[in-house]
Amino acid sequence: MLSPFMVSFLLAIGLSIITVVADWIIKIASLEKGFLGWKMLTLGCLVYALTGVGWFFVMRNMKLSVSGVLYGVTCILLLALLSIFYFREKITTLELLGLGLAVASIVLLARFE
């Protein structure tokens, strides 16, 4: 049986993935000329809003500092992968170092939780 913290930890990662999907939708919308991407923008905003309910439950069992860092790092890693493999953007060595340090911060936080 998973502890309430582990359930919240896994839920937080899932919510971060959903947030990255919303970011992807809004990025697609932003590539349209003018304001033609308004439908995709609206969809992305709705997806963002739905994650709020999940974060309510995550924050019941996890400190805000830990959930915030977990959310940030998960989103950063997933967005970096999305930008590299889907949008074909380049990533620098310094940015890779930053991603490694972000992962290290999660390991440290999880160790002392």
PDB file of N, CA and C in Angstrom:
ATOM      1  N   MET A   1       0.849  -1.193   0.000  1.00  0.00           N
ATOM      2  CA  MET A   1       0.000   0.000   0.000  1.00  0.00           C
ATOM      3  C   MET A   1       0.887   1.246   0.000  1.00  0.00           C
ATOM      4  N   LEU A   2       0.543   2.178  -0.828  1.00  0.00           N
ATOM      5  CA  LEU A   2       1.313   3.422  -0.920  1.00  0.00           C
ATOM      6  C   LEU A   2       0.918   4.386   0.191  1.00  0.00           C
ATOM      7  N   SER A   3       1.896   5.110   0.700  1.00  0.00           N
ATOM      8  CA  SER A   3       1.628   6.121   1.718  1.00  0.00           C
ATOM      9  C   SER A   3       0.914   7.311   1.069  1.00  0.00           C
ATOM     10  N   PRO A   4       0.208   8.112   1.875  1.00  0.00           N
ATOM     11  CA  PRO A   4      -0.443   9.302   1.316  1.00  0.00           C
ATOM     12  C   PRO A   4       0.552  10.230   0.613  1.00  0.00           C
ATOM     13  N   PHE A   5       1.790  10.299   1.140  1.00  0.00           N
ATOM     14  CA  PHE A   5       2.802  11.141   0.492  1.00  0.00           C
ATOM     15  C   PHE A   5       3.124  10.614  -0.895  1.00  0.00           C
ATOM     16  N   MET A   6       3.308   9.289  -1.033  1.00  0.00           N
ATOM     17  CA  MET A   6       3.648   8.714  -2.342  1.00  0.00           C
ATOM     18  C   MET A   6       2.505   8.880  -3.336  1.00  0.00           C
ATOM     19  N   VAL A   7       1.268   8.740  -2.870  1.00  0.00           N
ATOM     20  CA  VAL A   7       0.111   8.962  -3.744  1.00  0.00           C
ATOM     21  C   VAL A   7       0.118  10.408  -4.227  1.00  0.00           C
ATOM     22  N   SER A   8       0.370  11.334  -3.314  1.00  0.00           N
ATOM     23  CA  SER A   8       0.436  12.748  -3.694  1.00  0.00           C
ATOM     24  C   SER A   8       1.601  13.017  -4.632  1.00  0.00           C
ATOM     25  N   PHE A   9       2.729  12.363  -4.383  1.00  0.00           N
ATOM     26  CA  PHE A   9       3.908  12.513  -5.234  1.00  0.00           C
ATOM     27  C   PHE A   9       3.581  12.082  -6.664  1.00  0.00           C
ATOM     28  N   LEU A  10       2.974  10.919  -6.808  1.00  0.00           N
ATOM     29  CA  LEU A  10       2.619  10.410  -8.136  1.00  0.00           C
ATOM     30  C   LEU A  10       1.534  11.265  -8.792  1.00  0.00           C
ATOM     31  N   LEU A  11       0.558  11.719  -7.998  1.00  0.00           N
ATOM     32  CA  LEU A  11      -0.484  12.597  -8.529  1.00  0.00           C
ATOM     33  C   LEU A  11       0.122  13.911  -9.015  1.00  0.00           C
ATOM     34  N   ALA A  12       1.077  14.438  -8.268  1.00  0.00           N
ATOM     35  CA  ALA A  12       1.737  15.687  -8.669  1.00  0.00           C
ATOM     36  C   ALA A  12       2.457  15.528 -10.001  1.00  0.00           C
ATOM     37  N   ILE A  13       3.113  14.399 -10.198  1.00  0.00           N
ATOM     38  CA  ILE A  13       3.782  14.152 -11.481  1.00  0.00           C
ATOM     39  C   ILE A  13       2.758  14.051 -12.598  1.00  0.00           C
ATOM     40  N   GLY A  14       1.651  13.354 -12.342  1.00  0.00           N
ATOM     41  CA  GLY A  14       0.580  13.256 -13.343  1.00  0.00           C
ATOM     42  C   GLY A  14       0.001  14.615 -13.696  1.00  0.00           C
ATOM     43  N   LEU A  15      -0.219  15.442 -12.686  1.00  0.00           N
ATOM     44  CA  LEU A  15      -0.750  16.788 -12.925  1.00  0.00           C
ATOM     45  C   LEU A  15       0.256  17.642 -13.699  1.00  0.00           C
ATOM     46  N   SER A  16       1.520  17.445 -13.430  1.00  0.00           N
ATOM     47  CA  SER A  16       2.549  18.168 -14.182  1.00  0.00           C
ATOM     48  C   SER A  16       2.530  17.753 -15.652  1.00  0.00           C
ATOM     49  N   ILE A  17       2.325  16.469 -15.900  1.00  0.00           N
ATOM     50  CA  ILE A  17       2.227  15.986 -17.287  1.00  0.00           C
ATOM     51  C   ILE A  17       1.033  16.623 -17.979  1.00  0.00           C
ATOM     52  N   ILE A  18      -0.086  16.692 -17.290  1.00  0.00           N
ATOM     53  CA  ILE A  18      -1.281  17.327 -17.870  1.00  0.00           C
ATOM     54  C   ILE A  18      -1.007  18.797 -18.155  1.00  0.00           C
ATOM     55  N   THR A  19      -0.288  19.465 -17.268  1.00  0.00           N
ATOM     56  CA  THR A  19       0.063  20.874 -17.477  1.00  0.00           C
ATOM     57  C   THR A  19       0.938  21.036 -18.710  1.00  0.00           C
ATOM     58  N   VAL A  20       1.865  20.112 -18.917  1.00  0.00           N
ATOM     59  CA  VAL A  20       2.722  20.173 -20.111  1.00  0.00           C
ATOM     60  C   VAL A  20       1.885  19.981 -21.370  1.00  0.00           C
ATOM     61  N   VAL A  21       0.870  19.130 -21.302  1.00  0.00           N
ATOM     62  CA  VAL A  21      -0.046  18.977 -22.446  1.00  0.00           C
ATOM     63  C   VAL A  21      -0.733  20.309 -22.733  1.00  0.00           C
ATOM     64  N   ALA A  22      -1.164  21.001 -21.682  1.00  0.00           N
ATOM     65  CA  ALA A  22      -1.781  22.316 -21.869  1.00  0.00           C
ATOM     66  C   ALA A  22      -0.784  23.302 -22.473  1.00  0.00           C
ATOM     67  N   ASP A  23       0.457  23.264 -22.023  1.00  0.00           N
ATOM     68  CA  ASP A  23       1.495  24.125 -22.600  1.00  0.00           C
ATOM     69  C   ASP A  23       1.683  23.822 -24.081  1.00  0.00           C
ATOM     70  N   TRP A  24       1.691  22.547 -24.429  1.00  0.00           N
ATOM     71  CA  TRP A  24       1.838  22.123 -25.824  1.00  0.00           C
ATOM     72  C   TRP A  24       0.681  22.652 -26.671  1.00  0.00           C
ATOM     73  N   ILE A  25      -0.536  22.544 -26.151  1.00  0.00           N
ATOM     74  CA  ILE A  25      -1.715  23.037 -26.873  1.00  0.00           C
ATOM     75  C   ILE A  25      -1.603  24.540 -27.101  1.00  0.00           C
ATOM     76  N   ILE A  26      -1.182  25.282 -26.075  1.00  0.00           N
ATOM     77  CA  ILE A  26      -1.069  26.741 -26.200  1.00  0.00           C
ATOM     78  C   ILE A  26       0.070  27.115 -27.144  1.00  0.00           C
ATOM     79  N   LYS A  27       1.159  26.354 -27.141  1.00  0.00           N
ATOM     80  CA  LYS A  27       2.251  26.611 -28.089  1.00  0.00           C
ATOM     81  C   LYS A  27       1.755  26.429 -29.530  1.00  0.00           C
ATOM     82  N   ILE A  28       0.986  25.372 -29.774  1.00  0.00           N
ATOM     83  CA  ILE A  28       0.399  25.142 -31.098  1.00  0.00           C
ATOM     84  C   ILE A  28      -0.494  26.330 -31.470  1.00  0.00           C
ATOM     85  N   ALA A  29      -1.290  26.792 -30.518  1.00  0.00           N
ATOM     86  CA  ALA A  29      -2.172  27.938 -30.774  1.00  0.00           C
ATOM     87  C   ALA A  29      -1.363  29.185 -31.111  1.00  0.00           C
ATOM     88  N   SER A  30      -0.229  29.357 -30.446  1.00  0.00           N
ATOM     89  CA  SER A  30       0.582  30.565 -30.656  1.00  0.00           C
ATOM     90  C   SER A  30       1.251  30.583 -32.028  1.00  0.00           C
ATOM     91  N   LEU A  31       1.348  29.441 -32.670  1.00  0.00           N
ATOM     92  CA  LEU A  31       1.968  29.381 -33.997  1.00  0.00           C
ATOM     93  C   LEU A  31       1.026  29.801 -35.117  1.00  0.00           C
ATOM     94  N   GLU A  32      -0.254  29.955 -34.791  1.00  0.00           N
ATOM     95  CA  GLU A  32      -1.236  30.419 -35.781  1.00  0.00           C
ATOM     96  C   GLU A  32      -1.073  31.922 -36.015  1.00  0.00           C
ATOM     97  N   LYS A  33      -1.387  32.354 -37.199  1.00  0.00           N
ATOM     98  CA  LYS A  33      -1.311  33.788 -37.526  1.00  0.00           C
ATOM     99  C   LYS A  33      -2.451  34.544 -36.846  1.00  0.00           C
ATOM    100  N   GLY A  34      -2.121  35.749 -36.417  1.00  0.00           N
ATOM    101  CA  GLY A  34      -3.133  36.585 -35.774  1.00  0.00           C
ATOM    102  C   GLY A  34      -3.657  35.907 -34.519  1.00  0.00           C
ATOM    103  N   PHE A  35      -4.968  35.825 -34.440  1.00  0.00           N
ATOM    104  CA  PHE A  35      -5.602  35.188 -33.282  1.00  0.00           C
ATOM    105  C   PHE A  35      -6.412  33.974 -33.733  1.00  0.00           C
ATOM    106  N   LEU A  36      -5.948  33.306 -34.796  1.00  0.00           N
ATOM    107  CA  LEU A  36      -6.660  32.148 -35.320  1.00  0.00           C
ATOM    108  C   LEU A  36      -6.590  30.941 -34.390  1.00  0.00           C
ATOM    109  N   GLY A  37      -5.655  30.930 -33.480  1.00  0.00           N
ATOM    110  CA  GLY A  37      -5.512  29.804 -32.557  1.00  0.00           C
ATOM    111  C   GLY A  37      -6.338  29.949 -31.294  1.00  0.00           C
ATOM    112  N   TRP A  38      -7.349  30.787 -31.313  1.00  0.00           N
ATOM    113  CA  TRP A  38      -8.106  31.051 -30.089  1.00  0.00           C
ATOM    114  C   TRP A  38      -8.807  29.810 -29.544  1.00  0.00           C
ATOM    115  N   LYS A  39      -9.233  28.898 -30.398  1.00  0.00           N
ATOM    116  CA  LYS A  39      -9.897  27.682 -29.906  1.00  0.00           C
ATOM    117  C   LYS A  39      -8.906  26.805 -29.142  1.00  0.00           C
ATOM    118  N   MET A  40      -7.698  26.662 -29.693  1.00  0.00           N
ATOM    119  CA  MET A  40      -6.674  25.876 -29.008  1.00  0.00           C
ATOM    120  C   MET A  40      -6.243  26.564 -27.715  1.00  0.00           C
ATOM    121  N   LEU A  41      -6.169  27.892 -27.740  1.00  0.00           N
ATOM    122  CA  LEU A  41      -5.828  28.647 -26.536  1.00  0.00           C
ATOM    123  C   LEU A  41      -6.868  28.384 -25.446  1.00  0.00           C
ATOM    124  N   THR A  42      -8.129  28.425 -25.810  1.00  0.00           N
ATOM    125  CA  THR A  42      -9.208  28.167 -24.857  1.00  0.00           C
ATOM    126  C   THR A  42      -9.115  26.753 -24.298  1.00  0.00           C
ATOM    127  N   LEU A  43      -8.850  25.789 -25.163  1.00  0.00           N
ATOM    128  CA  LEU A  43      -8.698  24.403 -24.713  1.00  0.00           C
ATOM    129  C   LEU A  43      -7.532  24.283 -23.736  1.00  0.00           C
ATOM    130  N   GLY A  44      -6.404  24.896 -24.055  1.00  0.00           N
ATOM    131  CA  GLY A  44      -5.248  24.858 -23.161  1.00  0.00           C
ATOM    132  C   GLY A  44      -5.565  25.455 -21.802  1.00  0.00           C
ATOM    133  N   CYS A  45      -6.286  26.559 -21.791  1.00  0.00           N
ATOM    134  CA  CYS A  45      -6.663  27.201 -20.524  1.00  0.00           C
ATOM    135  C   CYS A  45      -7.593  26.311 -19.706  1.00  0.00           C
ATOM    136  N   LEU A  46      -8.510  25.623 -20.364  1.00  0.00           N
ATOM    137  CA  LEU A  46      -9.410  24.708 -19.656  1.00  0.00           C
ATOM    138  C   LEU A  46      -8.637  23.535 -19.038  1.00  0.00           C
ATOM    139  N   VAL A  47      -7.665  23.030 -19.768  1.00  0.00           N
ATOM    140  CA  VAL A  47      -6.849  21.942 -19.230  1.00  0.00           C
ATOM    141  C   VAL A  47      -6.083  22.426 -17.999  1.00  0.00           C
ATOM    142  N   TYR A  48      -5.512  23.638 -18.067  1.00  0.00           N
ATOM    143  CA  TYR A  48      -4.836  24.219 -16.899  1.00  0.00           C
ATOM    144  C   TYR A  48      -5.783  24.278 -15.701  1.00  0.00           C
ATOM    145  N   ALA A  49      -6.980  24.779 -15.931  1.00  0.00           N
ATOM    146  CA  ALA A  49      -7.939  24.969 -14.845  1.00  0.00           C
ATOM    147  C   ALA A  49      -8.313  23.648 -14.173  1.00  0.00           C
ATOM    148  N   LEU A  50      -8.433  22.593 -14.961  1.00  0.00           N
ATOM    149  CA  LEU A  50      -8.820  21.302 -14.398  1.00  0.00           C
ATOM    150  C   LEU A  50      -7.774  20.729 -13.452  1.00  0.00           C
ATOM    151  N   THR A  51      -6.528  21.096 -13.647  1.00  0.00           N
ATOM    152  CA  THR A  51      -5.487  20.568 -12.755  1.00  0.00           C
ATOM    153  C   THR A  51      -5.568  21.164 -11.351  1.00  0.00           C
ATOM    154  N   GLY A  52      -6.247  22.286 -11.210  1.00  0.00           N
ATOM    155  CA  GLY A  52      -6.367  22.923  -9.895  1.00  0.00           C
ATOM    156  C   GLY A  52      -7.011  22.019  -8.861  1.00  0.00           C
ATOM    157  N   VAL A  53      -7.992  21.235  -9.281  1.00  0.00           N
ATOM    158  CA  VAL A  53      -8.665  20.318  -8.357  1.00  0.00           C
ATOM    159  C   VAL A  53      -7.675  19.267  -7.849  1.00  0.00           C
ATOM    160  N   GLY A  54      -6.872  18.755  -8.739  1.00  0.00           N
ATOM    161  CA  GLY A  54      -5.875  17.768  -8.340  1.00  0.00           C
ATOM    162  C   GLY A  54      -4.851  18.329  -7.373  1.00  0.00           C
ATOM    163  N   TRP A  55      -4.421  19.568  -7.623  1.00  0.00           N
ATOM    164  CA  TRP A  55      -3.431  20.184  -6.725  1.00  0.00           C
ATOM    165  C   TRP A  55      -4.000  20.392  -5.332  1.00  0.00           C
ATOM    166  N   PHE A  56      -5.296  20.583  -5.226  1.00  0.00           N
ATOM    167  CA  PHE A  56      -5.953  20.695  -3.922  1.00  0.00           C
ATOM    168  C   PHE A  56      -5.665  19.440  -3.088  1.00  0.00           C
ATOM    169  N   PHE A  57      -5.785  18.270  -3.712  1.00  0.00           N
ATOM    170  CA  PHE A  57      -5.550  17.019  -2.998  1.00  0.00           C
ATOM    171  C   PHE A  57      -4.067  16.753  -2.754  1.00  0.00           C
ATOM    172  N   VAL A  58      -3.224  17.141  -3.689  1.00  0.00           N
ATOM    173  CA  VAL A  58      -1.783  16.972  -3.510  1.00  0.00           C
ATOM    174  C   VAL A  58      -1.313  17.757  -2.292  1.00  0.00           C
ATOM    175  N   MET A  59      -1.772  18.980  -2.161  1.00  0.00           N
ATOM    176  CA  MET A  59      -1.286  19.864  -1.099  1.00  0.00           C
ATOM    177  C   MET A  59      -1.772  19.457   0.286  1.00  0.00           C
ATOM    178  N   ARG A  60      -2.713  18.537   0.348  1.00  0.00           N
ATOM    179  CA  ARG A  60      -3.148  18.034   1.656  1.00  0.00           C
ATOM    180  C   ARG A  60      -2.084  17.151   2.298  1.00  0.00           C
ATOM    181  N   ASN A  61      -1.263  16.499   1.487  1.00  0.00           N
ATOM    182  CA  ASN A  61      -0.301  15.533   2.001  1.00  0.00           C
ATOM    183  C   ASN A  61       1.151  15.879   1.705  1.00  0.00           C
ATOM    184  N   MET A  62       1.387  17.049   1.145  1.00  0.00           N
ATOM    185  CA  MET A  62       2.741  17.398   0.751  1.00  0.00           C
ATOM    186  C   MET A  62       2.970  18.880   1.048  1.00  0.00           C
ATOM    187  N   LYS A  63       4.161  19.171   1.543  1.00  0.00           N
ATOM    188  CA  LYS A  63       4.490  20.575   1.792  1.00  0.00           C
ATOM    189  C   LYS A  63       4.487  21.349   0.477  1.00  0.00           C
ATOM    190  N   LEU A  64       4.101  22.601   0.549  1.00  0.00           N
ATOM    191  CA  LEU A  64       4.041  23.444  -0.646  1.00  0.00           C
ATOM    192  C   LEU A  64       5.413  23.564  -1.297  1.00  0.00           C
ATOM    193  N   SER A  65       6.454  23.657  -0.476  1.00  0.00           N
ATOM    194  CA  SER A  65       7.797  23.791  -1.045  1.00  0.00           C
ATOM    195  C   SER A  65       8.178  22.555  -1.853  1.00  0.00           C
ATOM    196  N   VAL A  66       7.833  21.385  -1.374  1.00  0.00           N
ATOM    197  CA  VAL A  66       8.158  20.151  -2.083  1.00  0.00           C
ATOM    198  C   VAL A  66       7.297  20.011  -3.331  1.00  0.00           C
ATOM    199  N   SER A  67       5.995  20.242  -3.202  1.00  0.00           N
ATOM    200  CA  SER A  67       5.118  20.111  -4.371  1.00  0.00           C
ATOM    201  C   SER A  67       5.465  21.144  -5.437  1.00  0.00           C
ATOM    202  N   GLY A  68       5.852  22.330  -5.026  1.00  0.00           N
ATOM    203  CA  GLY A  68       6.229  23.361  -5.992  1.00  0.00           C
ATOM    204  C   GLY A  68       7.473  23.004  -6.776  1.00  0.00           C
ATOM    205  N   VAL A  69       8.462  22.485  -6.074  1.00  0.00           N
ATOM    206  CA  VAL A  69       9.695  22.088  -6.758  1.00  0.00           C
ATOM    207  C   VAL A  69       9.438  20.877  -7.649  1.00  0.00           C
ATOM    208  N   LEU A  70       8.684  19.907  -7.159  1.00  0.00           N
ATOM    209  CA  LEU A  70       8.353  18.727  -7.956  1.00  0.00           C
ATOM    210  C   LEU A  70       7.618  19.129  -9.237  1.00  0.00           C
ATOM    211  N   TYR A  71       6.643  20.011  -9.100  1.00  0.00           N
ATOM    212  CA  TYR A  71       5.902  20.508 -10.256  1.00  0.00           C
ATOM    213  C   TYR A  71       6.835  21.219 -11.239  1.00  0.00           C
ATOM    214  N   GLY A  72       7.639  22.117 -10.715  1.00  0.00           N
ATOM    215  CA  GLY A  72       8.534  22.894 -11.568  1.00  0.00           C
ATOM    216  C   GLY A  72       9.531  22.034 -12.316  1.00  0.00           C
ATOM    217  N   VAL A  73      10.165  21.119 -11.597  1.00  0.00           N
ATOM    218  CA  VAL A  73      11.187  20.277 -12.222  1.00  0.00           C
ATOM    219  C   VAL A  73      10.560  19.327 -13.239  1.00  0.00           C
ATOM    220  N   THR A  74       9.430  18.717 -12.888  1.00  0.00           N
ATOM    221  CA  THR A  74       8.764  17.813 -13.831  1.00  0.00           C
ATOM    222  C   THR A  74       8.375  18.554 -15.098  1.00  0.00           C
ATOM    223  N   CYS A  75       7.800  19.735 -14.936  1.00  0.00           N
ATOM    224  CA  CYS A  75       7.415  20.526 -16.114  1.00  0.00           C
ATOM    225  C   CYS A  75       8.638  20.929 -16.938  1.00  0.00           C
ATOM    226  N   ILE A  76       9.693  21.346 -16.273  1.00  0.00           N
ATOM    227  CA  ILE A  76      10.911  21.757 -16.990  1.00  0.00           C
ATOM    228  C   ILE A  76      11.470  20.603 -17.812  1.00  0.00           C
ATOM    229  N   LEU A  77      11.571  19.434 -17.200  1.00  0.00           N
ATOM    230  CA  LEU A  77      12.120  18.276 -17.914  1.00  0.00           C
ATOM    231  C   LEU A  77      11.234  17.878 -19.096  1.00  0.00           C
ATOM    232  N   LEU A  78       9.936  17.805 -18.863  1.00  0.00           N
ATOM    233  CA  LEU A  78       9.027  17.405 -19.936  1.00  0.00           C
ATOM    234  C   LEU A  78       8.954  18.443 -21.047  1.00  0.00           C
ATOM    235  N   LEU A  79       8.966  19.725 -20.676  1.00  0.00           N
ATOM    236  CA  LEU A  79       8.945  20.781 -21.695  1.00  0.00           C
ATOM    237  C   LEU A  79      10.233  20.788 -22.505  1.00  0.00           C
ATOM    238  N   ALA A  80      11.355  20.494 -21.848  1.00  0.00           N
ATOM    239  CA  ALA A  80      12.614  20.416 -22.585  1.00  0.00           C
ATOM    240  C   ALA A  80      12.559  19.279 -23.604  1.00  0.00           C
ATOM    241  N   LEU A  81      12.044  18.128 -23.189  1.00  0.00           N
ATOM    242  CA  LEU A  81      11.908  17.004 -24.119  1.00  0.00           C
ATOM    243  C   LEU A  81      10.958  17.338 -25.265  1.00  0.00           C
ATOM    244  N   LEU A  82       9.850  17.982 -24.936  1.00  0.00           N
ATOM    245  CA  LEU A  82       8.881  18.380 -25.957  1.00  0.00           C
ATOM    246  C   LEU A  82       9.499  19.358 -26.950  1.00  0.00           C
ATOM    247  N   SER A  83      10.233  20.327 -26.436  1.00  0.00           N
ATOM    248  CA  SER A  83      10.842  21.324 -27.322  1.00  0.00           C
ATOM    249  C   SER A  83      11.910  20.710 -28.215  1.00  0.00           C
ATOM    250  N   ILE A  84      12.659  19.746 -27.687  1.00  0.00           N
ATOM    251  CA  ILE A  84      13.716  19.104 -28.470  1.00  0.00           C
ATOM    252  C   ILE A  84      13.132  18.174 -29.527  1.00  0.00           C
ATOM    253  N   PHE A  85      12.240  17.287 -29.114  1.00  0.00           N
ATOM    254  CA  PHE A  85      11.789  16.232 -30.015  1.00  0.00           C
ATOM    255  C   PHE A  85      10.572  16.596 -30.867  1.00  0.00           C
ATOM    256  N   TYR A  86       9.711  17.493 -30.386  1.00  0.00           N
ATOM    257  CA  TYR A  86       8.525  17.852 -31.171  1.00  0.00           C
ATOM    258  C   TYR A  86       8.735  19.134 -31.971  1.00  0.00           C
ATOM    259  N   PHE A  87       9.253  20.160 -31.281  1.00  0.00           N
ATOM    260  CA  PHE A  87       9.426  21.454 -31.947  1.00  0.00           C
ATOM    261  C   PHE A  87      10.814  21.618 -32.564  1.00  0.00           C
ATOM    262  N   ARG A  88      11.697  20.634 -32.391  1.00  0.00           N
ATOM    263  CA  ARG A  88      13.039  20.610 -32.980  1.00  0.00           C
ATOM    264  C   ARG A  88      13.887  21.814 -32.564  1.00  0.00           C
ATOM    265  N   GLU A  89      13.734  22.235 -31.321  1.00  0.00           N
ATOM    266  CA  GLU A  89      14.542  23.335 -30.797  1.00  0.00           C
ATOM    267  C   GLU A  89      15.863  22.773 -30.266  1.00  0.00           C
ATOM    268  N   LYS A  90      16.901  23.569 -30.314  1.00  0.00           N
ATOM    269  CA  LYS A  90      18.224  23.163 -29.836  1.00  0.00           C
ATOM    270  C   LYS A  90      18.350  23.468 -28.346  1.00  0.00           C
ATOM    271  N   ILE A  91      19.125  22.647 -27.641  1.00  0.00           N
ATOM    272  CA  ILE A  91      19.377  22.860 -26.218  1.00  0.00           C
ATOM    273  C   ILE A  91      20.892  22.933 -26.016  1.00  0.00           C
ATOM    274  N   THR A  92      21.330  23.864 -25.195  1.00  0.00           N
ATOM    275  CA  THR A  92      22.761  24.075 -24.978  1.00  0.00           C
ATOM    276  C   THR A  92      23.274  23.195 -23.839  1.00  0.00           C
ATOM    277  N   THR A  93      24.573  23.104 -23.741  1.00  0.00           N
ATOM    278  CA  THR A  93      25.212  22.342 -22.661  1.00  0.00           C
ATOM    279  C   THR A  93      24.874  22.944 -21.312  1.00  0.00           C
ATOM    280  N   LEU A  94      24.840  24.264 -21.230  1.00  0.00           N
ATOM    281  CA  LEU A  94      24.491  24.933 -19.984  1.00  0.00           C
ATOM    282  C   LEU A  94      23.049  24.609 -19.573  1.00  0.00           C
ATOM    283  N   GLU A  95      22.157  24.539 -20.548  1.00  0.00           N
ATOM    284  CA  GLU A  95      20.771  24.174 -20.242  1.00  0.00           C
ATOM    285  C   GLU A  95      20.682  22.725 -19.756  1.00  0.00           C
ATOM    286  N   LEU A  96      21.481  21.838 -20.334  1.00  0.00           N
ATOM    287  CA  LEU A  96      21.526  20.454 -19.863  1.00  0.00           C
ATOM    288  C   LEU A  96      22.025  20.382 -18.423  1.00  0.00           C
ATOM    289  N   LEU A  97      23.025  21.179 -18.092  1.00  0.00           N
ATOM    290  CA  LEU A  97      23.528  21.250 -16.722  1.00  0.00           C
ATOM    291  C   LEU A  97      22.414  21.706 -15.777  1.00  0.00           C
ATOM    292  N   GLY A  98      21.680  22.707 -16.190  1.00  0.00           N
ATOM    293  CA  GLY A  98      20.560  23.198 -15.383  1.00  0.00           C
ATOM    294  C   GLY A  98      19.502  22.129 -15.154  1.00  0.00           C
ATOM    295  N   LEU A  99      19.207  21.339 -16.181  1.00  0.00           N
ATOM    296  CA  LEU A  99      18.242  20.247 -16.034  1.00  0.00           C
ATOM    297  C   LEU A  99      18.759  19.202 -15.040  1.00  0.00           C
ATOM    298  N   GLY A 100      20.048  18.906 -15.100  1.00  0.00           N
ATOM    299  CA  GLY A 100      20.639  17.957 -14.156  1.00  0.00           C
ATOM    300  C   GLY A 100      20.550  18.455 -12.718  1.00  0.00           C
ATOM    301  N   LEU A 101      20.806  19.736 -12.520  1.00  0.00           N
ATOM    302  CA  LEU A 101      20.697  20.314 -11.174  1.00  0.00           C
ATOM    303  C   LEU A 101      19.249  20.312 -10.684  1.00  0.00           C
ATOM    304  N   ALA A 102      18.303  20.503 -11.606  1.00  0.00           N
ATOM    305  CA  ALA A 102      16.885  20.454 -11.238  1.00  0.00           C
ATOM    306  C   ALA A 102      16.521  19.065 -10.726  1.00  0.00           C
ATOM    307  N   VAL A 103      16.993  18.037 -11.393  1.00  0.00           N
ATOM    308  CA  VAL A 103      16.733  16.666 -10.950  1.00  0.00           C
ATOM    309  C   VAL A 103      17.383  16.426  -9.586  1.00  0.00           C
ATOM    310  N   ALA A 104      18.568  16.937  -9.394  1.00  0.00           N
ATOM    311  CA  ALA A 104      19.255  16.785  -8.111  1.00  0.00           C
ATOM    312  C   ALA A 104      18.447  17.426  -6.982  1.00  0.00           C
ATOM    313  N   SER A 105      17.798  18.535  -7.259  1.00  0.00           N
ATOM    314  CA  SER A 105      16.983  19.190  -6.217  1.00  0.00           C
ATOM    315  C   SER A 105      15.825  18.318  -5.786  1.00  0.00           C
ATOM    316  N   ILE A 106      15.198  17.609  -6.702  1.00  0.00           N
ATOM    317  CA  ILE A 106      14.097  16.705  -6.351  1.00  0.00           C
ATOM    318  C   ILE A 106      14.618  15.538  -5.505  1.00  0.00           C
ATOM    319  N   VAL A 107      15.765  15.008  -5.878  1.00  0.00           N
ATOM    320  CA  VAL A 107      16.344  13.896  -5.113  1.00  0.00           C
ATOM    321  C   VAL A 107      16.612  14.351  -3.685  1.00  0.00           C
ATOM    322  N   LEU A 108      17.169  15.528  -3.511  1.00  0.00           N
ATOM    323  CA  LEU A 108      17.453  16.044  -2.168  1.00  0.00           C
ATOM    324  C   LEU A 108      16.166  16.278  -1.376  1.00  0.00           C
ATOM    325  N   LEU A 109      15.169  16.863  -2.010  1.00  0.00           N
ATOM    326  CA  LEU A 109      13.909  17.117  -1.305  1.00  0.00           C
ATOM    327  C   LEU A 109      13.220  15.829  -0.912  1.00  0.00           C
ATOM    328  N   ALA A 110      13.205  14.845  -1.790  1.00  0.00           N
ATOM    329  CA  ALA A 110      12.539  13.574  -1.491  1.00  0.00           C
ATOM    330  C   ALA A 110      13.264  12.841  -0.352  1.00  0.00           C
ATOM    331  N   ARG A 111      14.570  12.984  -0.311  1.00  0.00           N
ATOM    332  CA  ARG A 111      15.362  12.307   0.721  1.00  0.00           C
ATOM    333  C   ARG A 111      15.045  12.831   2.118  1.00  0.00           C
ATOM    334  N   PHE A 112      14.760  14.097   2.234  1.00  0.00           N
ATOM    335  CA  PHE A 112      14.536  14.710   3.549  1.00  0.00           C
ATOM    336  C   PHE A 112      13.062  14.898   3.881  1.00  0.00           C
ATOM    337  N   GLU A 113      12.166  14.406   3.051  1.00  0.00           N
ATOM    338  CA  GLU A 113      10.728  14.547   3.306  1.00  0.00           C
ATOM    339  C   GLU A 113      10.298  13.545   4.363  1.00  0.00           C
TER     340      GLU A 113
END
